[in-house]
């Protein structure tokens, strides 16, 4: 599995017709901030784990039997066609959302904690997961059904204000890429995924002593109790894995460290599923899916069989992860944000890499983009 860091630069969205935020500018990115091309989150784990089994009987049998039982919660046809970009090829663009409905919070308070645009090329032999930082400062398009819209704000505000459909509108406006399908997994479901596999092994990054943590288990952070994990390879159950990939204030890199840990968890889930034989044994796979499917929601047109066909040749080495190119961290309206562009109306001037990345996704030429934009050695 190829991993890209998070110091790549990116572009901003521009509201069609200007919008209420058309003239807004973001603050200058903080010099020396954590801008390595970051990594992606946990929602994709279930999808790519099943795909990693290839074309075995267990996958086809289980995909057929579970297709009718999926929770089809999202209707992308509700988004007016004239507001959506055209489909430009036969590649698959799947939006994977990890939502965080934490205990004690209302459903309306939930935000998308992880969003990944997964592009599977037309040949079905490579996939690219492009994470969208939740604090990315973007234009959120007008949506008459949303609580708030037609403004600039942090990306995950789109989910809070207008759910999945406003999130799709925001991404499509930003990228020009048409989203084919949605897979949403609640973070509570992540616990079930890991526990159904009997746990995972992760190489734990040592926390930074930055005032938020100590070396004692269960210490209080600004987000409440969290667990302490020893540095190095560690066996984690579902609750422990969820706690670890939620942590950000424990690290100087903040959200960029968290995104990296989320991607590492995806790899750990895949490795655990393969080593346990879950993906080649029909009974094990059926049990695995039944124990995790309650936390998964899809769009009305999602088809588990056709998706399995698209992903049947995928292995972990065929997955490339990266973060939306950006300019680092800055401040806007008194809040810390991840900066898209110095001038949202002219993203090409300050962030040509992101503009070219979205073009590469639309043209199904992401491999060429990566070759033209290699990761800096040692970063």
Protein backbone atom coordinates (compact mmCIF):
# COMPACT_ATOMS: atom_id res chain seq x y z
CA UNK A 1 0.00 0.00 0.00
CA UNK A 2 1.53 3.28 -1.08
CA UNK A 3 1.25 6.09 1.43
CA UNK A 4 1.42 9.79 0.66
CA UNK A 5 2.04 12.36 3.34
CA UNK A 6 0.25 15.65 3.99
CA UNK A 7 2.47 18.55 2.96
CA UNK A 8 1.07 18.80 -0.52
CA UNK A 9 -0.65 21.98 -1.56
CA UNK A 10 -4.21 22.34 -2.77
CA UNK A 11 -6.91 24.50 -4.31
CA UNK A 12 -10.06 26.12 -3.07
CA UNK A 13 -13.56 25.80 -4.38
CA UNK A 14 -15.22 28.78 -6.01
CA UNK A 15 -18.93 29.35 -5.46
CA UNK A 16 -20.88 29.39 -8.73
CA UNK A 17 -21.96 32.91 -9.44
CA UNK A 18 -19.96 34.14 -6.48
CA UNK A 19 -22.37 33.15 -3.72
CA UNK A 20 -22.42 34.88 -0.40
CA UNK A 21 -18.83 33.93 0.20
CA UNK A 22 -17.54 34.72 -3.26
CA UNK A 23 -15.19 37.45 -2.16
CA UNK A 24 -14.03 35.79 1.04
CA UNK A 25 -10.34 35.16 1.56
CA UNK A 26 -8.72 32.79 3.98
CA UNK A 27 -5.91 33.76 6.29
CA UNK A 28 -2.34 33.12 5.20
CA UNK A 29 -1.20 29.59 6.02
CA UNK A 30 0.98 29.36 9.08
CA UNK A 31 4.63 29.07 8.18
CA UNK A 32 6.12 25.73 9.05
CA UNK A 33 2.74 24.18 9.82
CA UNK A 34 2.07 20.47 9.34
CA UNK A 35 1.41 20.35 5.59
CA UNK A 36 2.51 16.84 4.65
CA UNK A 37 0.00 15.10 2.43
CA UNK A 38 -2.07 13.47 5.15
CA UNK A 39 -3.82 10.14 5.27
CA UNK A 40 -7.35 8.86 5.27
CA UNK A 41 -9.90 7.46 7.60
CA UNK A 42 -11.67 4.44 8.85
CA UNK A 43 -14.92 4.25 6.88
CA UNK A 44 -13.26 2.68 3.87
CA UNK A 45 -11.94 -0.27 5.87
CA UNK A 46 -15.02 -2.44 5.53
CA UNK A 47 -15.33 -1.78 1.80
CA UNK A 48 -11.72 -2.45 0.84
CA UNK A 49 -11.45 -5.43 3.18
CA UNK A 50 -14.26 -7.19 1.36
CA UNK A 51 -12.78 -6.15 -1.98
CA UNK A 52 -9.40 -7.57 -1.02
CA UNK A 53 -10.81 -11.08 -1.17
CA UNK A 54 -10.97 -10.89 -4.94
CA UNK A 55 -13.44 -12.95 -6.93
CA UNK A 56 -13.84 -15.88 -4.55
CA UNK A 57 -17.13 -17.68 -4.08
CA UNK A 58 -17.55 -16.35 -0.56
CA UNK A 59 -17.51 -12.75 -1.78
CA UNK A 60 -19.98 -13.32 -4.60
CA UNK A 61 -22.35 -15.37 -2.47
CA UNK A 62 -22.27 -12.92 0.41
CA UNK A 63 -22.54 -9.86 -1.83
CA UNK A 64 -25.65 -11.32 -3.45
CA UNK A 65 -27.27 -12.31 -0.17
CA UNK A 66 -26.62 -8.99 1.59
CA UNK A 67 -27.40 -6.61 -1.27
CA UNK A 68 -31.11 -6.50 -0.47
CA UNK A 69 -30.45 -5.98 3.24
CA UNK A 70 -28.40 -2.81 2.91
CA UNK A 71 -29.66 0.33 4.65
CA UNK A 72 -30.25 2.60 1.65
CA UNK A 73 -30.45 5.92 3.44
CA UNK A 74 -29.25 8.40 0.81
CA UNK A 75 -30.94 9.48 -2.41
CA UNK A 76 -28.46 11.23 -4.68
CA UNK A 77 -31.23 11.72 -7.24
CA UNK A 78 -32.61 14.36 -4.87
CA UNK A 79 -29.73 16.61 -5.95
CA UNK A 80 -30.84 18.47 -9.11
CA UNK A 81 -29.02 17.10 -12.13
CA UNK A 82 -28.18 20.59 -13.35
CA UNK A 83 -26.21 21.16 -10.13
CA UNK A 84 -24.01 18.10 -10.65
CA UNK A 85 -20.93 17.54 -12.83
CA UNK A 86 -21.16 15.16 -15.76
CA UNK A 87 -19.81 11.63 -15.54
CA UNK A 88 -16.71 11.63 -17.75
CA UNK A 89 -15.71 7.95 -17.85
CA UNK A 90 -16.47 4.48 -16.46
CA UNK A 91 -14.24 4.82 -13.40
CA UNK A 92 -15.91 4.45 -10.00
CA UNK A 93 -15.98 7.41 -7.61
CA UNK A 94 -17.12 6.29 -4.18
CA UNK A 95 -17.49 8.69 -1.25
CA UNK A 96 -16.77 7.00 2.07
CA UNK A 97 -17.89 8.94 5.14
CA UNK A 98 -16.99 8.10 8.71
CA UNK A 99 -19.57 9.85 10.88
CA UNK A 100 -19.13 10.42 14.58
CA UNK A 101 -22.33 10.20 16.64
CA UNK A 102 -20.68 10.28 20.04
CA UNK A 103 -22.50 9.13 23.13
CA UNK A 104 -24.50 11.93 24.69
CA UNK A 105 -24.71 13.97 21.48
CA UNK A 106 -27.88 14.50 19.47
CA UNK A 107 -28.07 13.10 15.95
CA UNK A 108 -28.16 16.67 14.67
CA UNK A 109 -24.80 17.35 16.32
CA UNK A 110 -23.01 14.63 14.34
CA UNK A 111 -20.30 15.64 11.91
CA UNK A 112 -18.38 13.78 9.27
CA UNK A 113 -15.17 12.91 11.06
CA UNK A 114 -13.65 11.27 7.98
CA UNK A 115 -14.39 11.76 4.28
CA UNK A 116 -12.61 9.91 1.51
CA UNK A 117 -13.10 10.20 -2.22
CA UNK A 118 -12.16 6.73 -3.46
CA UNK A 119 -11.41 6.66 -7.18
CA UNK A 120 -11.20 3.19 -8.76
CA UNK A 121 -9.78 3.42 -12.25
CA UNK A 122 -11.67 2.21 -15.29
CA UNK A 123 -9.47 -0.88 -15.60
CA UNK A 124 -10.25 -1.88 -12.02
CA UNK A 125 -6.61 -2.49 -11.12
CA UNK A 126 -5.83 0.60 -9.02
CA UNK A 127 -7.63 2.69 -6.42
CA UNK A 128 -6.83 6.10 -4.98
CA UNK A 129 -8.23 7.30 -1.68
CA UNK A 130 -8.17 11.09 -1.40
CA UNK A 131 -8.99 12.30 2.08
CA UNK A 132 -10.65 15.64 2.68
CA UNK A 133 -9.57 17.21 5.98
CA UNK A 134 -12.60 18.03 8.08
CA UNK A 135 -11.24 21.52 8.82
CA UNK A 136 -10.61 22.32 5.15
CA UNK A 137 -11.98 25.81 4.45
CA UNK A 138 -14.32 25.38 1.48
CA UNK A 139 -17.35 26.85 -0.19
CA UNK A 140 -20.54 25.06 0.85
CA UNK A 141 -23.02 25.44 -2.04
CA UNK A 142 -26.59 26.58 -1.76
CA UNK A 143 -29.03 23.87 -0.72
CA UNK A 144 -32.66 24.78 0.03
CA UNK A 145 -32.99 21.76 2.30
CA UNK A 146 -29.97 22.62 4.44
CA UNK A 147 -29.97 24.50 7.73
CA UNK A 148 -27.14 26.73 6.43
CA UNK A 149 -25.51 26.86 3.00
CA UNK A 150 -24.10 29.21 0.35
CA UNK A 151 -21.15 30.19 2.50
CA UNK A 152 -17.54 29.38 3.30
CA UNK A 153 -16.81 27.25 6.35
CA UNK A 154 -15.02 24.12 7.49
CA UNK A 155 -15.78 21.17 5.25
CA UNK A 156 -17.45 19.05 7.91
CA UNK A 157 -20.01 21.79 8.54
CA UNK A 158 -21.69 20.62 5.32
CA UNK A 159 -22.58 17.32 6.95
CA UNK A 160 -23.85 19.00 10.11
CA UNK A 161 -26.01 21.46 8.16
CA UNK A 162 -27.28 19.34 5.30
CA UNK A 163 -26.21 15.75 5.78
CA UNK A 164 -24.76 13.54 3.08
CA UNK A 165 -26.34 15.33 0.12
CA UNK A 166 -24.88 18.72 1.05
CA UNK A 167 -21.55 16.98 1.59
CA UNK A 168 -21.80 15.55 -1.93
CA UNK A 169 -22.70 18.96 -3.34
CA UNK A 170 -19.69 20.48 -1.58
CA UNK A 171 -17.24 17.88 -2.88
CA UNK A 172 -18.62 17.98 -6.41
CA UNK A 173 -18.43 21.78 -6.45
CA UNK A 174 -14.86 21.60 -5.18
CA UNK A 175 -13.57 18.89 -7.49
CA UNK A 176 -15.80 18.73 -10.55
CA UNK A 177 -15.87 14.96 -9.93
CA UNK A 178 -19.25 13.23 -9.95
CA UNK A 179 -19.86 11.01 -6.94
CA UNK A 180 -21.34 7.65 -7.99
CA UNK A 181 -22.09 6.11 -4.61
CA UNK A 182 -22.02 6.74 -0.87
CA UNK A 183 -20.90 4.45 1.94
CA UNK A 184 -21.28 5.86 5.46
CA UNK A 185 -20.06 4.04 8.54
CA UNK A 186 -20.67 5.29 12.05
CA UNK A 187 -17.61 5.21 14.29
CA UNK A 188 -19.51 2.87 16.58
CA UNK A 189 -19.45 0.46 13.67
CA UNK A 190 -15.69 0.63 13.60
CA UNK A 191 -15.67 -1.05 17.00
CA UNK A 192 -17.78 -3.87 15.57
CA UNK A 193 -15.52 -4.24 12.52
CA UNK A 194 -12.37 -4.65 14.60
CA UNK A 195 -13.98 -6.89 17.21
CA UNK A 196 -15.47 -9.12 14.50
CA UNK A 197 -11.92 -9.72 13.29
CA UNK A 198 -10.68 -10.56 16.77
CA UNK A 199 -8.70 -7.32 17.01
CA UNK A 200 -5.90 -5.73 15.01
CA UNK A 201 -2.22 -5.01 15.49
CA UNK A 202 -1.08 -1.40 15.05
CA UNK A 203 2.33 0.24 15.36
CA UNK A 204 1.48 2.93 17.91
CA UNK A 205 3.03 6.38 17.56
CA UNK A 206 4.29 7.81 20.84
CA UNK A 207 2.14 10.72 22.00
CA UNK A 208 3.77 14.14 22.36
CA UNK A 209 4.02 15.59 25.87
CA UNK A 210 2.21 18.78 24.93
CA UNK A 211 0.15 19.40 28.04
CA UNK A 212 -2.84 17.36 26.91
CA UNK A 213 -1.61 13.94 28.00
CA UNK A 214 0.47 12.14 30.58
CA UNK A 215 1.78 8.60 30.71
CA UNK A 216 -1.17 7.40 32.79
CA UNK A 217 -4.20 5.54 31.35
CA UNK A 218 -7.51 7.36 31.32
CA UNK A 219 -6.15 10.85 31.79
CA UNK A 220 -8.35 13.81 31.01
CA UNK A 221 -7.93 15.62 27.70
CA UNK A 222 -10.04 18.51 26.44
CA UNK A 223 -12.24 15.89 24.78
CA UNK A 224 -12.64 13.84 27.96
CA UNK A 225 -11.02 10.59 28.98
CA UNK A 226 -8.79 8.87 26.49
CA UNK A 227 -6.56 5.83 26.60
CA UNK A 228 -2.79 5.73 26.74
CA UNK A 229 -1.05 3.28 24.41
CA UNK A 230 2.58 2.17 24.59
CA UNK A 231 4.75 2.97 21.60
CA UNK A 232 5.29 0.19 19.08
CA UNK A 233 3.29 -2.83 17.84
CA UNK A 234 0.20 -3.23 20.02
CA UNK A 235 -2.85 -5.50 19.89
CA UNK A 236 -6.05 -3.44 19.97
CA UNK A 237 -9.69 -4.35 20.32
CA UNK A 238 -12.42 -2.27 18.71
CA UNK A 239 -12.84 0.28 21.50
CA UNK A 240 -9.09 0.75 21.79
CA UNK A 241 -8.64 1.17 18.03
CA UNK A 242 -11.44 3.75 17.93
CA UNK A 243 -9.90 5.68 20.82
CA UNK A 244 -6.47 5.72 19.17
CA UNK A 245 -7.65 6.94 15.76
CA UNK A 246 -9.76 9.68 17.38
CA UNK A 247 -6.79 11.18 19.21
CA UNK A 248 -5.37 14.41 17.80
CA UNK A 249 -4.64 16.78 20.67
CA UNK A 250 -2.20 14.22 21.98
CA UNK A 251 0.04 14.88 18.96
CA UNK A 252 1.82 18.00 17.81
CA UNK A 253 0.66 17.22 14.25
CA UNK A 254 -2.94 17.27 15.42
CA UNK A 255 -5.43 16.17 12.80
CA UNK A 256 -2.68 15.16 10.39
CA UNK A 257 -1.45 12.55 12.88
CA UNK A 258 -5.00 11.32 13.33
CA UNK A 259 -5.51 10.92 9.59
CA UNK A 260 -2.29 8.94 9.36
CA UNK A 261 -3.40 6.64 12.18
CA UNK A 262 -6.76 6.13 10.50
CA UNK A 263 -5.06 4.97 7.33
CA UNK A 264 -2.82 2.65 9.30
CA UNK A 265 -5.96 1.17 10.85
CA UNK A 266 -7.39 0.48 7.40
CA UNK A 267 -4.27 -1.49 6.53
CA UNK A 268 -4.46 -3.32 9.86
CA UNK A 269 -8.11 -4.24 9.21
CA UNK A 270 -7.25 -5.58 5.77
CA UNK A 271 -4.29 -7.57 7.06
CA UNK A 272 -6.34 -9.02 9.91
CA UNK A 273 -9.20 -10.01 7.60
CA UNK A 274 -6.82 -11.73 5.20
CA UNK A 275 -4.78 -13.52 7.85
CA UNK A 276 -7.90 -14.77 9.63
CA UNK A 277 -9.32 -16.20 6.42
CA UNK A 278 -12.46 -14.10 6.78
CA UNK A 279 -12.54 -13.14 3.13
CA UNK A 280 -12.21 -16.64 1.71
CA UNK A 281 -14.61 -18.48 4.01
CA UNK A 282 -18.30 -17.92 3.32
CA UNK A 283 -19.43 -18.56 6.90
CA UNK A 284 -16.77 -16.26 8.39
CA UNK A 285 -17.50 -13.53 5.85
CA UNK A 286 -21.24 -13.75 6.43
CA UNK A 287 -20.72 -13.50 10.18
CA UNK A 288 -18.32 -10.59 9.73
CA UNK A 289 -20.72 -8.61 7.56
CA UNK A 290 -23.76 -9.35 9.73
CA UNK A 291 -21.92 -8.08 12.81
CA UNK A 292 -20.92 -4.81 11.14
CA UNK A 293 -23.63 -4.02 8.59
CA UNK A 294 -25.91 -2.24 11.08
CA UNK A 295 -23.42 0.62 11.21
CA UNK A 296 -23.22 0.97 7.42
CA UNK A 297 -25.54 3.05 5.22
CA UNK A 298 -25.42 3.42 1.43
CA UNK A 299 -27.23 5.28 -1.33
CA UNK A 300 -30.35 3.95 -3.02
CA UNK A 301 -28.49 2.83 -6.15
CA UNK A 302 -25.52 1.16 -4.45
CA UNK A 303 -25.08 -2.45 -5.54
CA UNK A 304 -22.78 -4.71 -3.55
CA UNK A 305 -22.32 -7.12 -6.46
CA UNK A 306 -21.29 -4.52 -9.05
CA UNK A 307 -19.05 -2.83 -6.50
CA UNK A 308 -17.37 -6.16 -5.79
CA UNK A 309 -16.84 -6.57 -9.54
CA UNK A 310 -15.18 -3.14 -9.70
CA UNK A 311 -12.90 -4.02 -6.78
CA UNK A 312 -12.38 -7.75 -7.31
CA UNK A 313 -8.75 -7.45 -8.46
CA UNK A 314 -7.75 -5.00 -5.74
CA UNK A 315 -5.02 -5.78 -3.21
CA UNK A 316 -3.50 -3.57 -0.56
CA UNK A 317 -0.54 -2.80 -2.82
CA UNK A 318 -2.98 -1.39 -5.38
CA UNK A 319 -4.29 1.25 -2.97
CA UNK A 320 -2.73 4.71 -2.90
CA UNK A 321 -3.73 7.14 -0.18
CA UNK A 322 -3.28 10.90 -0.20
CA UNK A 323 -4.87 14.03 1.19
CA UNK A 324 -6.48 16.86 -0.70
CA UNK A 325 -3.61 19.24 -1.54
CA UNK A 326 -3.68 22.30 0.69
CA UNK A 327 -1.64 25.23 1.99
CA UNK A 328 -1.34 24.19 5.62
CA UNK A 329 -3.10 25.65 8.63
CA UNK A 330 -4.40 29.17 9.07
CA UNK A 331 -7.16 31.14 10.74
CA UNK A 332 -10.52 32.29 9.46
CA UNK A 333 -13.23 33.96 11.51
CA UNK A 334 -11.38 33.22 14.72
CA UNK A 335 -11.17 29.49 14.09
CA UNK A 336 -8.29 27.32 12.96
CA UNK A 337 -8.74 25.96 9.45
CA UNK A 338 -6.85 24.03 6.80
CA UNK A 339 -6.27 26.53 4.00
CA UNK A 340 -7.29 25.69 0.44
CA UNK A 341 -6.09 28.75 -1.43
CA UNK A 342 -4.92 32.29 -0.79
CA UNK A 343 -7.64 33.50 -3.15
CA UNK A 344 -10.68 31.20 -3.48
CA UNK A 345 -11.57 32.85 -6.78
CA UNK A 346 -8.20 31.98 -8.30
CA UNK A 347 -7.05 28.63 -6.87
CA UNK A 348 -4.76 27.94 -9.82
CA UNK A 349 -2.47 30.78 -8.76
CA UNK A 350 -1.58 29.39 -5.33
CA UNK A 351 -2.55 25.72 -5.56
CA UNK A 352 -2.10 24.31 -9.05
CA UNK A 353 -1.42 20.81 -7.70
CA UNK A 354 -4.96 20.39 -6.41
CA UNK A 355 -6.48 21.77 -9.59
CA UNK A 356 -4.46 19.27 -11.61
CA UNK A 357 -5.33 16.44 -9.21
CA UNK A 358 -9.06 16.95 -9.65
CA UNK A 359 -8.54 17.11 -13.41
CA UNK A 360 -6.63 13.83 -13.22
CA UNK A 361 -9.48 12.19 -11.31
CA UNK A 362 -12.00 13.43 -13.87
CA UNK A 363 -9.81 12.11 -16.70
CA UNK A 364 -8.97 8.85 -14.88
CA UNK A 365 -5.25 9.68 -15.00
CA UNK A 366 -4.36 9.78 -11.32
CA UNK A 367 -1.35 7.51 -11.83
CA UNK A 368 0.08 10.09 -14.24
CA UNK A 369 -0.55 12.85 -11.70
CA UNK A 370 1.32 10.95 -9.00
CA UNK A 371 4.26 10.38 -11.33
CA UNK A 372 4.36 14.10 -12.09
CA UNK A 373 4.04 15.03 -8.41
CA UNK A 374 6.35 12.62 -6.54
CA UNK A 375 6.57 12.67 -2.78
CA UNK A 376 9.64 14.49 -1.48
CA UNK A 377 12.25 12.11 -0.12
CA UNK A 378 12.57 12.00 3.65
CA UNK A 379 9.31 13.90 4.34
